[in-house]
Amino acid sequence: MRKIKFFKSVETELSALESEINQWIESEGVELVSVTGNISPQTHLQTAPDTFSVSDVLVILTYEVPHGKA
């Protein structure tokens, strides 16, 4: 059976997001079918004219659930 899993973070924490995803894959023992990601456009902070806020990052995993697990 195929399922999906969402992971959300911000662009300044990509290394932590990568670790979280890899740990989840290992702990669940799933087989990945596909990985899709998206980074949102940066938002201009009105209180700081020369800076932008960090962008949100969304990673979507499609995975196969091993037989016997659901």
Protein backbone atom coordinates (compact mmCIF):
# COMPACT_ATOMS: atom_id res chain seq x y z
CA MET A 1 0.00 0.00 0.00
CA ARG A 2 1.32 3.46 -0.87
CA LYS A 3 1.10 6.37 1.54
CA ILE A 4 2.42 9.91 1.83
CA LYS A 5 4.28 11.74 4.59
CA PHE A 6 4.84 15.51 4.86
CA PHE A 7 7.84 17.17 6.45
CA LYS A 8 7.96 20.94 6.97
CA SER A 9 10.81 23.19 8.03
CA VAL A 10 12.55 26.42 7.05
CA GLU A 11 15.46 26.93 4.70
CA THR A 12 17.91 27.73 7.50
CA GLU A 13 17.35 24.27 9.02
CA LEU A 14 17.78 22.04 5.97
CA SER A 15 20.44 19.88 7.59
CA ALA A 16 18.14 19.12 10.54
CA LEU A 17 15.26 18.40 8.13
CA GLU A 18 17.43 16.00 6.15
CA SER A 19 18.41 14.18 9.35
CA GLU A 20 14.78 14.00 10.50
CA ILE A 21 13.66 12.53 7.17
CA ASN A 22 16.51 9.98 7.05
CA GLN A 23 15.84 8.89 10.64
CA TRP A 24 12.13 8.46 9.87
CA ILE A 25 12.88 6.36 6.77
CA GLU A 26 15.24 4.11 8.74
CA SER A 27 12.96 3.74 11.76
CA GLU A 28 9.90 2.93 9.67
CA GLY A 29 11.71 0.66 7.22
CA VAL A 30 9.73 2.02 4.28
CA GLU A 31 10.65 1.92 0.61
CA LEU A 32 10.53 5.35 -1.00
CA VAL A 33 8.63 5.69 -4.24
CA SER A 34 9.23 9.42 -4.75
CA VAL A 35 10.41 12.57 -3.01
CA THR A 36 9.06 15.99 -3.91
CA GLY A 37 10.05 19.29 -2.38
CA ASN A 38 9.04 22.91 -2.49
CA ILE A 39 10.49 26.10 -1.06
CA SER A 40 8.22 29.11 -0.69
CA PRO A 41 9.16 32.53 -1.99
CA GLN A 42 10.86 34.71 0.57
CA THR A 43 8.62 37.19 2.36
CA HIS A 44 9.76 40.76 2.70
CA LEU A 45 9.75 41.91 6.32
CA GLN A 46 8.15 45.35 6.57
CA THR A 47 9.99 46.08 9.82
CA ALA A 48 13.38 45.49 8.19
CA PRO A 49 13.42 46.98 4.67
CA ASP A 50 16.65 45.28 3.54
CA THR A 51 15.93 41.76 4.80
CA PHE A 52 13.67 38.88 4.00
CA SER A 53 12.27 36.21 6.28
CA VAL A 54 13.39 32.62 5.83
CA SER A 55 11.39 30.52 3.41
CA ASP A 56 9.29 27.52 4.36
CA VAL A 57 10.38 24.17 2.96
CA LEU A 58 7.94 21.32 2.35
CA VAL A 59 9.08 17.78 1.51
CA ILE A 60 6.56 15.13 0.48
CA LEU A 61 7.53 11.48 0.54
CA THR A 62 5.53 8.82 -1.26
CA TYR A 63 6.39 5.47 0.20
CA GLU A 64 5.44 1.83 0.10
CA VAL A 65 4.31 0.26 3.38
CA PRO A 66 5.91 -3.15 3.89
CA HIS A 67 3.48 -6.05 4.03
CA GLY A 68 2.34 -6.67 7.59
CA LYS A 69 2.67 -2.97 8.54
CA ALA A 70 -0.07 -0.41 8.15
